[in-house]
Amino acid sequence: MRIRGHIGDWPVDLTLELEPGEWAQLGGQLSAVAPLATTAAVASVANARPDDALWQAAREVLHKAGQLNGPQLLEQLEGLAGSTAAGKRLLVRLRHSADVKVESGADAPIYHWVG
């Protein structure tokens, strides 16, 4: 199980690995506890995207710059997200955004804000 998000300004990326027996034990303990959340509360948590604020911040980086080459943008996104992997995920998401145009540069792709 992977948990990603933020605690305040701190990015969190946590991976939990449990053996099948441990999952069964955890499930047994959870089924013994009375449910505390309503169906509506569970649905709202399931639909919330913990990375929405980070996504908006990534969009704002490119929006303010107008255009950046790939390595420059990745460097800024890594700093924003707190890791290289998270920065690369944001870069891919920007590449596929309708608000961004990517063109081939001489040495690297150039990302343009068009939104």
PDB file of N, CA and C in Angstrom:
ATOM      1  N   MET A   1       0.854  -1.154   0.000  1.00  0.00           N
ATOM      2  CA  MET A   1       0.000   0.000   0.000  1.00  0.00           C
ATOM      3  C   MET A   1       0.906   1.224   0.000  1.00  0.00           C
ATOM      4  N   ARG A   2       0.558   2.207  -0.812  1.00  0.00           N
ATOM      5  CA  ARG A   2       1.351   3.426  -0.898  1.00  0.00           C
ATOM      6  C   ARG A   2       0.487   4.607  -0.490  1.00  0.00           C
ATOM      7  N   ILE A   3       1.034   5.435   0.374  1.00  0.00           N
ATOM      8  CA  ILE A   3       0.335   6.626   0.857  1.00  0.00           C
ATOM      9  C   ILE A   3       1.167   7.828   0.462  1.00  0.00           C
ATOM     10  N   ARG A   4       0.530   8.747  -0.298  1.00  0.00           N
ATOM     11  CA  ARG A   4       1.221   9.964  -0.720  1.00  0.00           C
ATOM     12  C   ARG A   4       0.369  11.165  -0.370  1.00  0.00           C
ATOM     13  N   GLY A   5       1.003  12.248  -0.037  1.00  0.00           N
ATOM     14  CA  GLY A   5       0.285  13.469   0.276  1.00  0.00           C
ATOM     15  C   GLY A   5       1.197  14.452   0.977  1.00  0.00           C
ATOM     16  N   HIS A   6       0.613  15.285   1.805  1.00  0.00           N
ATOM     17  CA  HIS A   6       1.371  16.300   2.539  1.00  0.00           C
ATOM     18  C   HIS A   6       0.887  16.368   3.973  1.00  0.00           C
ATOM     19  N   ILE A   7       1.813  16.650   4.861  1.00  0.00           N
ATOM     20  CA  ILE A   7       1.495  17.009   6.232  1.00  0.00           C
ATOM     21  C   ILE A   7       2.019  18.425   6.370  1.00  0.00           C
ATOM     22  N   GLY A   8       1.106  19.387   6.309  1.00  0.00           N
ATOM     23  CA  GLY A   8       1.520  20.781   6.252  1.00  0.00           C
ATOM     24  C   GLY A   8       2.258  21.016   4.948  1.00  0.00           C
ATOM     25  N   ASP A   9       3.482  21.540   5.035  1.00  0.00           N
ATOM     26  CA  ASP A   9       4.290  21.784   3.845  1.00  0.00           C
ATOM     27  C   ASP A   9       5.194  20.604   3.502  1.00  0.00           C
ATOM     28  N   TRP A  10       5.184  19.560   4.327  1.00  0.00           N
ATOM     29  CA  TRP A  10       6.084  18.422   4.143  1.00  0.00           C
ATOM     30  C   TRP A  10       5.448  17.363   3.257  1.00  0.00           C
ATOM     31  N   PRO A  11       6.121  16.985   2.158  1.00  0.00           N
ATOM     32  CA  PRO A  11       5.595  15.900   1.323  1.00  0.00           C
ATOM     33  C   PRO A  11       5.773  14.559   2.032  1.00  0.00           C
ATOM     34  N   VAL A  12       4.801  13.672   1.863  1.00  0.00           N
ATOM     35  CA  VAL A  12       4.843  12.350   2.470  1.00  0.00           C
ATOM     36  C   VAL A  12       4.702  11.310   1.363  1.00  0.00           C
ATOM     37  N   ASP A  13       5.586  10.339   1.345  1.00  0.00           N
ATOM     38  CA  ASP A  13       5.514   9.220   0.408  1.00  0.00           C
ATOM     39  C   ASP A  13       5.904   7.985   1.208  1.00  0.00           C
ATOM     40  N   LEU A  14       4.886   7.207   1.623  1.00  0.00           N
ATOM     41  CA  LEU A  14       5.087   6.090   2.520  1.00  0.00           C
ATOM     42  C   LEU A  14       4.602   4.810   1.855  1.00  0.00           C
ATOM     43  N   THR A  15       5.411   3.761   1.925  1.00  0.00           N
ATOM     44  CA  THR A  15       5.020   2.465   1.390  1.00  0.00           C
ATOM     45  C   THR A  15       4.949   1.476   2.539  1.00  0.00           C
ATOM     46  N   LEU A  16       3.798   0.789   2.649  1.00  0.00           N
ATOM     47  CA  LEU A  16       3.606  -0.246   3.665  1.00  0.00           C
ATOM     48  C   LEU A  16       3.580  -1.597   2.973  1.00  0.00           C
ATOM     49  N   GLU A  17       4.390  -2.518   3.467  1.00  0.00           N
ATOM     50  CA  GLU A  17       4.408  -3.864   2.913  1.00  0.00           C
ATOM     51  C   GLU A  17       4.030  -4.830   4.025  1.00  0.00           C
ATOM     52  N   LEU A  18       2.945  -5.582   3.824  1.00  0.00           N
ATOM     53  CA  LEU A  18       2.487  -6.554   4.795  1.00  0.00           C
ATOM     54  C   LEU A  18       2.375  -7.916   4.130  1.00  0.00           C
ATOM     55  N   GLU A  19       2.661  -8.947   4.896  1.00  0.00           N
ATOM     56  CA  GLU A  19       2.483 -10.322   4.427  1.00  0.00           C
ATOM     57  C   GLU A  19       0.990 -10.626   4.402  1.00  0.00           C
ATOM     58  N   PRO A  20       0.548 -11.618   3.621  1.00  0.00           N
ATOM     59  CA  PRO A  20      -0.877 -11.956   3.562  1.00  0.00           C
ATOM     60  C   PRO A  20      -1.499 -12.214   4.934  1.00  0.00           C
ATOM     61  N   GLY A  21      -0.776 -12.870   5.816  1.00  0.00           N
ATOM     62  CA  GLY A  21      -1.290 -13.127   7.162  1.00  0.00           C
ATOM     63  C   GLY A  21      -1.486 -11.840   7.955  1.00  0.00           C
ATOM     64  N   GLU A  22      -0.581 -10.892   7.754  1.00  0.00           N
ATOM     65  CA  GLU A  22      -0.697  -9.598   8.441  1.00  0.00           C
ATOM     66  C   GLU A  22      -1.912  -8.820   7.943  1.00  0.00           C
ATOM     67  N   TRP A  23      -2.173  -8.881   6.615  1.00  0.00           N
ATOM     68  CA  TRP A  23      -3.364  -8.228   6.059  1.00  0.00           C
ATOM     69  C   TRP A  23      -4.625  -8.843   6.657  1.00  0.00           C
ATOM     70  N   ALA A  24      -4.642 -10.177   6.769  1.00  0.00           N
ATOM     71  CA  ALA A  24      -5.812 -10.863   7.327  1.00  0.00           C
ATOM     72  C   ALA A  24      -6.029 -10.455   8.785  1.00  0.00           C
ATOM     73  N   GLN A  25      -4.945 -10.373   9.541  1.00  0.00           N
ATOM     74  CA  GLN A  25      -5.045  -9.966  10.945  1.00  0.00           C
ATOM     75  C   GLN A  25      -5.553  -8.529  11.048  1.00  0.00           C
ATOM     76  N   LEU A  26      -5.051  -7.659  10.220  1.00  0.00           N
ATOM     77  CA  LEU A  26      -5.494  -6.263  10.216  1.00  0.00           C
ATOM     78  C   LEU A  26      -6.966  -6.178   9.837  1.00  0.00           C
ATOM     79  N   GLY A  27      -7.366  -6.926   8.819  1.00  0.00           N
ATOM     80  CA  GLY A  27      -8.767  -6.933   8.397  1.00  0.00           C
ATOM     81  C   GLY A  27      -9.680  -7.433   9.499  1.00  0.00           C
ATOM     82  N   GLY A  28      -9.253  -8.437  10.233  1.00  0.00           N
ATOM     83  CA  GLY A  28     -10.050  -8.960  11.338  1.00  0.00           C
ATOM     84  C   GLY A  28     -10.230  -7.930  12.433  1.00  0.00           C
ATOM     85  N   GLN A  29      -9.199  -7.172  12.715  1.00  0.00           N
ATOM     86  CA  GLN A  29      -9.289  -6.131  13.743  1.00  0.00           C
ATOM     87  C   GLN A  29     -10.191  -4.993  13.289  1.00  0.00           C
ATOM     88  N   LEU A  30     -10.139  -4.654  12.005  1.00  0.00           N
ATOM     89  CA  LEU A  30     -10.967  -3.563  11.499  1.00  0.00           C
ATOM     90  C   LEU A  30     -12.438  -3.937  11.466  1.00  0.00           C
ATOM     91  N   SER A  31     -12.751  -5.201  11.151  1.00  0.00           N
ATOM     92  CA  SER A  31     -14.157  -5.603  11.096  1.00  0.00           C
ATOM     93  C   SER A  31     -14.771  -5.661  12.481  1.00  0.00           C
ATOM     94  N   ALA A  32     -13.945  -5.801  13.525  1.00  0.00           N
ATOM     95  CA  ALA A  32     -14.455  -5.838  14.895  1.00  0.00           C
ATOM     96  C   ALA A  32     -14.781  -4.444  15.425  1.00  0.00           C
ATOM     97  N   VAL A  33     -14.240  -3.413  14.804  1.00  0.00           N
ATOM     98  CA  VAL A  33     -14.467  -2.031  15.234  1.00  0.00           C
ATOM     99  C   VAL A  33     -15.719  -1.496  14.552  1.00  0.00           C
ATOM    100  N   ALA A  34     -16.577  -0.812  15.304  1.00  0.00           N
ATOM    101  CA  ALA A  34     -17.787  -0.216  14.716  1.00  0.00           C
ATOM    102  C   ALA A  34     -17.381   0.873  13.749  1.00  0.00           C
ATOM    103  N   PRO A  35     -18.037   0.965  12.584  1.00  0.00           N
ATOM    104  CA  PRO A  35     -17.674   2.018  11.621  1.00  0.00           C
ATOM    105  C   PRO A  35     -17.943   3.405  12.200  1.00  0.00           C
ATOM    106  N   LEU A  36     -16.964   4.281  12.050  1.00  0.00           N
ATOM    107  CA  LEU A  36     -17.079   5.632  12.577  1.00  0.00           C
ATOM    108  C   LEU A  36     -17.470   6.631  11.504  1.00  0.00           C
ATOM    109  N   ALA A  37     -17.240   6.297  10.243  1.00  0.00           N
ATOM    110  CA  ALA A  37     -17.502   7.246   9.158  1.00  0.00           C
ATOM    111  C   ALA A  37     -18.812   6.892   8.465  1.00  0.00           C
ATOM    112  N   THR A  38     -19.482   7.916   7.993  1.00  0.00           N
ATOM    113  CA  THR A  38     -20.694   7.689   7.217  1.00  0.00           C
ATOM    114  C   THR A  38     -20.315   7.386   5.784  1.00  0.00           C
ATOM    115  N   THR A  39     -21.246   6.886   5.017  1.00  0.00           N
ATOM    116  CA  THR A  39     -20.982   6.584   3.610  1.00  0.00           C
ATOM    117  C   THR A  39     -20.586   7.842   2.852  1.00  0.00           C
ATOM    118  N   ALA A  40     -21.239   8.969   3.151  1.00  0.00           N
ATOM    119  CA  ALA A  40     -20.914  10.229   2.474  1.00  0.00           C
ATOM    120  C   ALA A  40     -19.488  10.669   2.785  1.00  0.00           C
ATOM    121  N   ALA A  41     -19.063  10.499   4.040  1.00  0.00           N
ATOM    122  CA  ALA A  41     -17.706  10.895   4.417  1.00  0.00           C
ATOM    123  C   ALA A  41     -16.678  10.018   3.715  1.00  0.00           C
ATOM    124  N   VAL A  42     -16.950   8.721   3.638  1.00  0.00           N
ATOM    125  CA  VAL A  42     -16.032   7.815   2.950  1.00  0.00           C
ATOM    126  C   VAL A  42     -15.950   8.182   1.473  1.00  0.00           C
ATOM    127  N   ALA A  43     -17.098   8.490   0.853  1.00  0.00           N
ATOM    128  CA  ALA A  43     -17.106   8.854  -0.567  1.00  0.00           C
ATOM    129  C   ALA A  43     -16.323  10.137  -0.797  1.00  0.00           C
ATOM    130  N   SER A  44     -16.440  11.112   0.092  1.00  0.00           N
ATOM    131  CA  SER A  44     -15.720  12.370  -0.118  1.00  0.00           C
ATOM    132  C   SER A  44     -14.220  12.173   0.016  1.00  0.00           C
ATOM    133  N   VAL A  45     -13.788  11.311   0.933  1.00  0.00           N
ATOM    134  CA  VAL A  45     -12.357  11.029   1.081  1.00  0.00           C
ATOM    135  C   VAL A  45     -11.851  10.265  -0.138  1.00  0.00           C
ATOM    136  N   ALA A  46     -12.649   9.321  -0.643  1.00  0.00           N
ATOM    137  CA  ALA A  46     -12.227   8.542  -1.801  1.00  0.00           C
ATOM    138  C   ALA A  46     -12.108   9.409  -3.044  1.00  0.00           C
ATOM    139  N   ASN A  47     -12.953  10.438  -3.169  1.00  0.00           N
ATOM    140  CA  ASN A  47     -12.923  11.302  -4.343  1.00  0.00           C
ATOM    141  C   ASN A  47     -11.901  12.424  -4.231  1.00  0.00           C
ATOM    142  N   ALA A  48     -11.404  12.720  -3.037  1.00  0.00           N
ATOM    143  CA  ALA A  48     -10.433  13.802  -2.849  1.00  0.00           C
ATOM    144  C   ALA A  48      -9.083  13.370  -3.406  1.00  0.00           C
ATOM    145  N   ARG A  49      -8.389  14.285  -4.019  1.00  0.00           N
ATOM    146  CA  ARG A  49      -7.060  14.005  -4.541  1.00  0.00           C
ATOM    147  C   ARG A  49      -6.053  14.734  -3.684  1.00  0.00           C
ATOM    148  N   PRO A  50      -5.242  14.006  -2.937  1.00  0.00           N
ATOM    149  CA  PRO A  50      -4.298  14.661  -2.040  1.00  0.00           C
ATOM    150  C   PRO A  50      -3.250  15.475  -2.767  1.00  0.00           C
ATOM    151  N   ASP A  51      -3.057  15.237  -4.059  1.00  0.00           N
ATOM    152  CA  ASP A  51      -2.029  15.962  -4.787  1.00  0.00           C
ATOM    153  C   ASP A  51      -2.579  17.151  -5.567  1.00  0.00           C
ATOM    154  N   ASP A  52      -3.859  17.514  -5.354  1.00  0.00           N
ATOM    155  CA  ASP A  52      -4.440  18.638  -6.093  1.00  0.00           C
ATOM    156  C   ASP A  52      -3.693  19.947  -5.842  1.00  0.00           C
ATOM    157  N   ALA A  53      -3.320  20.212  -4.600  1.00  0.00           N
ATOM    158  CA  ALA A  53      -2.588  21.449  -4.306  1.00  0.00           C
ATOM    159  C   ALA A  53      -1.227  21.438  -4.988  1.00  0.00           C
ATOM    160  N   LEU A  54      -0.582  20.291  -4.994  1.00  0.00           N
ATOM    161  CA  LEU A  54       0.720  20.167  -5.658  1.00  0.00           C
ATOM    162  C   LEU A  54       0.569  20.339  -7.165  1.00  0.00           C
ATOM    163  N   TRP A  55      -0.487  19.768  -7.734  1.00  0.00           N
ATOM    164  CA  TRP A  55      -0.765  19.901  -9.174  1.00  0.00           C
ATOM    165  C   TRP A  55      -1.003  21.358  -9.521  1.00  0.00           C
ATOM    166  N   GLN A  56      -1.777  22.067  -8.723  1.00  0.00           N
ATOM    167  CA  GLN A  56      -2.029  23.486  -8.981  1.00  0.00           C
ATOM    168  C   GLN A  56      -0.738  24.296  -8.885  1.00  0.00           C
ATOM    169  N   ALA A  57       0.107  23.956  -7.933  1.00  0.00           N
ATOM    170  CA  ALA A  57       1.392  24.653  -7.791  1.00  0.00           C
ATOM    171  C   ALA A  57       2.292  24.387  -8.997  1.00  0.00           C
ATOM    172  N   ALA A  58       2.283  23.163  -9.508  1.00  0.00           N
ATOM    173  CA  ALA A  58       3.089  22.829 -10.693  1.00  0.00           C
ATOM    174  C   ALA A  58       2.601  23.613 -11.908  1.00  0.00           C
ATOM    175  N   ARG A  59       1.287  23.696 -12.061  1.00  0.00           N
ATOM    176  CA  ARG A  59       0.720  24.477 -13.169  1.00  0.00           C
ATOM    177  C   ARG A  59       1.133  25.948 -13.037  1.00  0.00           C
ATOM    178  N   GLU A  60       1.125  26.451 -11.811  1.00  0.00           N
ATOM    179  CA  GLU A  60       1.469  27.853 -11.574  1.00  0.00           C
ATOM    180  C   GLU A  60       2.934  28.136 -11.918  1.00  0.00           C
ATOM    181  N   VAL A  61       3.812  27.169 -11.656  1.00  0.00           N
ATOM    182  CA  VAL A  61       5.237  27.330 -12.005  1.00  0.00           C
ATOM    183  C   VAL A  61       5.381  27.601 -13.495  1.00  0.00           C
ATOM    184  N   LEU A  62       4.739  26.777 -14.315  1.00  0.00           N
ATOM    185  CA  LEU A  62       4.848  26.957 -15.763  1.00  0.00           C
ATOM    186  C   LEU A  62       4.089  28.191 -16.230  1.00  0.00           C
ATOM    187  N   HIS A  63       2.937  28.447 -15.624  1.00  0.00           N
ATOM    188  CA  HIS A  63       2.149  29.627 -15.986  1.00  0.00           C
ATOM    189  C   HIS A  63       2.967  30.905 -15.784  1.00  0.00           C
ATOM    190  N   LYS A  64       3.600  31.031 -14.612  1.00  0.00           N
ATOM    191  CA  LYS A  64       4.397  32.227 -14.315  1.00  0.00           C
ATOM    192  C   LYS A  64       5.591  32.365 -15.257  1.00  0.00           C
ATOM    193  N   ALA A  65       6.225  31.238 -15.588  1.00  0.00           N
ATOM    194  CA  ALA A  65       7.399  31.286 -16.464  1.00  0.00           C
ATOM    195  C   ALA A  65       7.005  31.517 -17.924  1.00  0.00           C
ATOM    196  N   GLY A  66       5.825  31.053 -18.303  1.00  0.00           N
ATOM    197  CA  GLY A  66       5.417  31.165 -19.694  1.00  0.00           C
ATOM    198  C   GLY A  66       5.928  30.002 -20.520  1.00  0.00           C
ATOM    199  N   GLN A  67       7.219  29.751 -20.438  1.00  0.00           N
ATOM    200  CA  GLN A  67       7.818  28.594 -21.097  1.00  0.00           C
ATOM    201  C   GLN A  67       9.096  28.215 -20.373  1.00  0.00           C
ATOM    202  N   LEU A  68       9.378  26.928 -20.344  1.00  0.00           N
ATOM    203  CA  LEU A  68      10.609  26.402 -19.751  1.00  0.00           C
ATOM    204  C   LEU A  68      11.018  25.169 -20.535  1.00  0.00           C
ATOM    205  N   ASN A  69      12.341  24.925 -20.601  1.00  0.00           N
ATOM    206  CA  ASN A  69      12.761  23.670 -21.220  1.00  0.00           C
ATOM    207  C   ASN A  69      12.590  22.554 -20.190  1.00  0.00           C
ATOM    208  N   GLY A  70      12.570  21.322 -20.656  1.00  0.00           N
ATOM    209  CA  GLY A  70      12.294  20.172 -19.809  1.00  0.00           C
ATOM    210  C   GLY A  70      13.161  20.071 -18.557  1.00  0.00           C
ATOM    211  N   PRO A  71      14.498  20.148 -18.690  1.00  0.00           N
ATOM    212  CA  PRO A  71      15.348  20.039 -17.498  1.00  0.00           C
ATOM    213  C   PRO A  71      15.103  21.156 -16.467  1.00  0.00           C
ATOM    214  N   GLN A  72      14.885  22.382 -16.936  1.00  0.00           N
ATOM    215  CA  GLN A  72      14.598  23.481 -16.005  1.00  0.00           C
ATOM    216  C   GLN A  72      13.280  23.239 -15.277  1.00  0.00           C
ATOM    217  N   LEU A  73      12.264  22.831 -16.023  1.00  0.00           N
ATOM    218  CA  LEU A  73      10.960  22.584 -15.428  1.00  0.00           C
ATOM    219  C   LEU A  73      11.028  21.423 -14.450  1.00  0.00           C
ATOM    220  N   LEU A  74      11.715  20.351 -14.829  1.00  0.00           N
ATOM    221  CA  LEU A  74      11.845  19.200 -13.942  1.00  0.00           C
ATOM    222  C   LEU A  74      12.550  19.586 -12.646  1.00  0.00           C
ATOM    223  N   GLU A  75      13.582  20.402 -12.741  1.00  0.00           N
ATOM    224  CA  GLU A  75      14.309  20.843 -11.548  1.00  0.00           C
ATOM    225  C   GLU A  75      13.376  21.586 -10.590  1.00  0.00           C
ATOM    226  N   GLN A  76      12.547  22.468 -11.138  1.00  0.00           N
ATOM    227  CA  GLN A  76      11.622  23.223 -10.295  1.00  0.00           C
ATOM    228  C   GLN A  76      10.545  22.313  -9.706  1.00  0.00           C
ATOM    229  N   LEU A  77      10.066  21.348 -10.503  1.00  0.00           N
ATOM    230  CA  LEU A  77       9.034  20.434 -10.022  1.00  0.00           C
ATOM    231  C   LEU A  77       9.580  19.491  -8.955  1.00  0.00           C
ATOM    232  N   GLU A  78      10.834  19.072  -9.093  1.00  0.00           N
ATOM    233  CA  GLU A  78      11.461  18.235  -8.066  1.00  0.00           C
ATOM    234  C   GLU A  78      11.524  18.977  -6.739  1.00  0.00           C
ATOM    235  N   GLY A  79      11.914  20.248  -6.790  1.00  0.00           N
ATOM    236  CA  GLY A  79      11.962  21.058  -5.573  1.00  0.00           C
ATOM    237  C   GLY A  79      10.594  21.238  -4.963  1.00  0.00           C
ATOM    238  N   LEU A  80       9.612  21.415  -5.801  1.00  0.00           N
ATOM    239  CA  LEU A  80       8.235  21.604  -5.346  1.00  0.00           C
ATOM    240  C   LEU A  80       7.677  20.326  -4.725  1.00  0.00           C
ATOM    241  N   ALA A  81       7.923  19.190  -5.386  1.00  0.00           N
ATOM    242  CA  ALA A  81       7.338  17.920  -4.960  1.00  0.00           C
ATOM    243  C   ALA A  81       8.149  17.209  -3.886  1.00  0.00           C
ATOM    244  N   GLY A  82       9.432  17.538  -3.795  1.00  0.00           N
ATOM    245  CA  GLY A  82      10.249  16.926  -2.754  1.00  0.00           C
ATOM    246  C   GLY A  82      11.015  15.684  -3.182  1.00  0.00           C
ATOM    247  N   SER A  83      10.821  15.229  -4.419  1.00  0.00           N
ATOM    248  CA  SER A  83      11.586  14.073  -4.896  1.00  0.00           C
ATOM    249  C   SER A  83      11.629  14.083  -6.420  1.00  0.00           C
ATOM    250  N   THR A  84      12.603  13.367  -6.956  1.00  0.00           N
ATOM    251  CA  THR A  84      12.727  13.268  -8.404  1.00  0.00           C
ATOM    252  C   THR A  84      11.538  12.538  -9.000  1.00  0.00           C
ATOM    253  N   ALA A  85      11.130  11.433  -8.368  1.00  0.00           N
ATOM    254  CA  ALA A  85      10.009  10.641  -8.893  1.00  0.00           C
ATOM    255  C   ALA A  85       8.727  11.461  -8.935  1.00  0.00           C
ATOM    256  N   ALA A  86       8.444  12.201  -7.876  1.00  0.00           N
ATOM    257  CA  ALA A  86       7.225  13.017  -7.842  1.00  0.00           C
ATOM    258  C   ALA A  86       7.311  14.150  -8.857  1.00  0.00           C
ATOM    259  N   GLY A  87       8.500  14.722  -9.032  1.00  0.00           N
ATOM    260  CA  GLY A  87       8.692  15.763 -10.041  1.00  0.00           C
ATOM    261  C   GLY A  87       8.448  15.236 -11.448  1.00  0.00           C
ATOM    262  N   LYS A  88       8.909  14.012 -11.715  1.00  0.00           N
ATOM    263  CA  LYS A  88       8.699  13.408 -13.036  1.00  0.00           C
ATOM    264  C   LYS A  88       7.218  13.127 -13.280  1.00  0.00           C
ATOM    265  N   ARG A  89       6.492  12.700 -12.241  1.00  0.00           N
ATOM    266  CA  ARG A  89       5.051  12.475 -12.397  1.00  0.00           C
ATOM    267  C   ARG A  89       4.333  13.772 -12.752  1.00  0.00           C
ATOM    268  N   LEU A  90       4.730  14.866 -12.109  1.00  0.00           N
ATOM    269  CA  LEU A  90       4.127  16.163 -12.427  1.00  0.00           C
ATOM    270  C   LEU A  90       4.481  16.594 -13.849  1.00  0.00           C
ATOM    271  N   LEU A  91       5.712  16.337 -14.262  1.00  0.00           N
ATOM    272  CA  LEU A  91       6.140  16.697 -15.615  1.00  0.00           C
ATOM    273  C   LEU A  91       5.320  15.941 -16.661  1.00  0.00           C
ATOM    274  N   VAL A  92       5.090  14.655 -16.441  1.00  0.00           N
ATOM    275  CA  VAL A  92       4.273  13.872 -17.367  1.00  0.00           C
ATOM    276  C   VAL A  92       2.843  14.392 -17.381  1.00  0.00           C
ATOM    277  N   ARG A  93       2.340  14.720 -16.206  1.00  0.00           N
ATOM    278  CA  ARG A  93       0.968  15.246 -16.129  1.00  0.00           C
ATOM    279  C   ARG A  93       0.854  16.577 -16.868  1.00  0.00           C
ATOM    280  N   LEU A  94       1.867  17.431 -16.745  1.00  0.00           N
ATOM    281  CA  LEU A  94       1.868  18.697 -17.489  1.00  0.00           C
ATOM    282  C   LEU A  94       1.933  18.443 -18.994  1.00  0.00           C
ATOM    283  N   ARG A  95       2.750  17.477 -19.395  1.00  0.00           N
ATOM    284  CA  ARG A  95       2.899  17.160 -20.820  1.00  0.00           C
ATOM    285  C   ARG A  95       1.551  16.821 -21.447  1.00  0.00           C
ATOM    286  N   HIS A  96       0.674  16.190 -20.686  1.00  0.00           N
ATOM    287  CA  HIS A  96      -0.623  15.763 -21.210  1.00  0.00           C
ATOM    288  C   HIS A  96      -1.755  16.729 -20.890  1.00  0.00           C
ATOM    289  N   SER A  97      -1.439  17.849 -20.287  1.00  0.00           N
ATOM    290  CA  SER A  97      -2.453  18.839 -19.944  1.00  0.00           C
ATOM    291  C   SER A  97      -2.857  19.649 -21.176  1.00  0.00           C
ATOM    292  N   ALA A  98      -4.133  19.986 -21.238  1.00  0.00           N
ATOM    293  CA  ALA A  98      -4.626  20.809 -22.354  1.00  0.00           C
ATOM    294  C   ALA A  98      -4.089  22.234 -22.282  1.00  0.00           C
ATOM    295  N   ASP A  99      -3.601  22.648 -21.120  1.00  0.00           N
ATOM    296  CA  ASP A  99      -3.086  24.003 -20.939  1.00  0.00           C
ATOM    297  C   ASP A  99      -1.613  24.140 -21.318  1.00  0.00           C
ATOM    298  N   VAL A 100      -1.006  23.039 -21.736  1.00  0.00           N
ATOM    299  CA  VAL A 100       0.429  23.034 -22.012  1.00  0.00           C
ATOM    300  C   VAL A 100       0.684  22.517 -23.419  1.00  0.00           C
ATOM    301  N   LYS A 101       1.581  23.214 -24.121  1.00  0.00           N
ATOM    302  CA  LYS A 101       2.022  22.776 -25.442  1.00  0.00           C
ATOM    303  C   LYS A 101       3.496  22.417 -25.314  1.00  0.00           C
ATOM    304  N   VAL A 102       3.860  21.256 -25.821  1.00  0.00           N
ATOM    305  CA  VAL A 102       5.254  20.811 -25.777  1.00  0.00           C
ATOM    306  C   VAL A 102       5.786  20.749 -27.198  1.00  0.00           C
ATOM    307  N   GLU A 103       6.932  21.387 -27.411  1.00  0.00           N
ATOM    308  CA  GLU A 103       7.560  21.317 -28.731  1.00  0.00           C
ATOM    309  C   GLU A 103       8.994  20.863 -28.572  1.00  0.00           C
ATOM    310  N   SER A 104       9.523  20.298 -29.612  1.00  0.00           N
ATOM    311  CA  SER A 104      10.897  19.806 -29.580  1.00  0.00           C
ATOM    312  C   SER A 104      11.856  20.977 -29.690  1.00  0.00           C
ATOM    313  N   GLY A 105      12.779  21.029 -28.756  1.00  0.00           N
ATOM    314  CA  GLY A 105      13.845  22.023 -28.813  1.00  0.00           C
ATOM    315  C   GLY A 105      15.105  21.363 -29.342  1.00  0.00           C
ATOM    316  N   ALA A 106      16.172  22.128 -29.473  1.00  0.00           N
ATOM    317  CA  ALA A 106      17.420  21.587 -29.991  1.00  0.00           C
ATOM    318  C   ALA A 106      17.979  20.498 -29.074  1.00  0.00           C
ATOM    319  N   ASP A 107      17.945  20.745 -27.763  1.00  0.00           N
ATOM    320  CA  ASP A 107      18.516  19.798 -26.803  1.00  0.00           C
ATOM    321  C   ASP A 107      17.472  19.152 -25.902  1.00  0.00           C
ATOM    322  N   ALA A 108      16.324  19.804 -25.728  1.00  0.00           N
ATOM    323  CA  ALA A 108      15.312  19.305 -24.792  1.00  0.00           C
ATOM    324  C   ALA A 108      13.946  19.834 -25.206  1.00  0.00           C
ATOM    325  N   PRO A 109      12.878  19.156 -24.779  1.00  0.00           N
ATOM    326  CA  PRO A 109      11.547  19.672 -25.094  1.00  0.00           C
ATOM    327  C   PRO A 109      11.309  21.006 -24.393  1.00  0.00           C
ATOM    328  N   ILE A 110      10.480  21.835 -25.005  1.00  0.00           N
ATOM    329  CA  ILE A 110      10.135  23.133 -24.421  1.00  0.00           C
ATOM    330  C   ILE A 110       8.655  23.111 -24.091  1.00  0.00           C
ATOM    331  N   TYR A 111       8.339  23.406 -22.839  1.00  0.00           N
ATOM    332  CA  TYR A 111       6.967  23.412 -22.348  1.00  0.00           C
ATOM    333  C   TYR A 111       6.463  24.844 -22.363  1.00  0.00           C
ATOM    334  N   HIS A 112       5.333  25.087 -23.046  1.00  0.00           N
ATOM    335  CA  HIS A 112       4.728  26.400 -23.147  1.00  0.00           C
ATOM    336  C   HIS A 112       3.376  26.386 -22.441  1.00  0.00           C
ATOM    337  N   TRP A 113       3.104  27.416 -21.659  1.00  0.00           N
ATOM    338  CA  TRP A 113       1.785  27.556 -21.058  1.00  0.00           C
ATOM    339  C   TRP A 113       0.860  28.212 -22.094  1.00  0.00           C
ATOM    340  N   VAL A 114      -0.228  27.552 -22.432  1.00  0.00           N
ATOM    341  CA  VAL A 114      -1.170  28.103 -23.407  1.00  0.00           C
ATOM    342  C   VAL A 114      -2.555  28.311 -22.797  1.00  0.00           C
ATOM    343  N   GLY A 115      -2.738  27.843 -21.568  1.00  0.00           N
ATOM    344  CA  GLY A 115      -4.057  27.926 -20.896  1.00  0.00           C
ATOM    345  C   GLY A 115      -4.369  29.310 -20.528  1.00  0.00           C
TER     346      GLY A 115
END
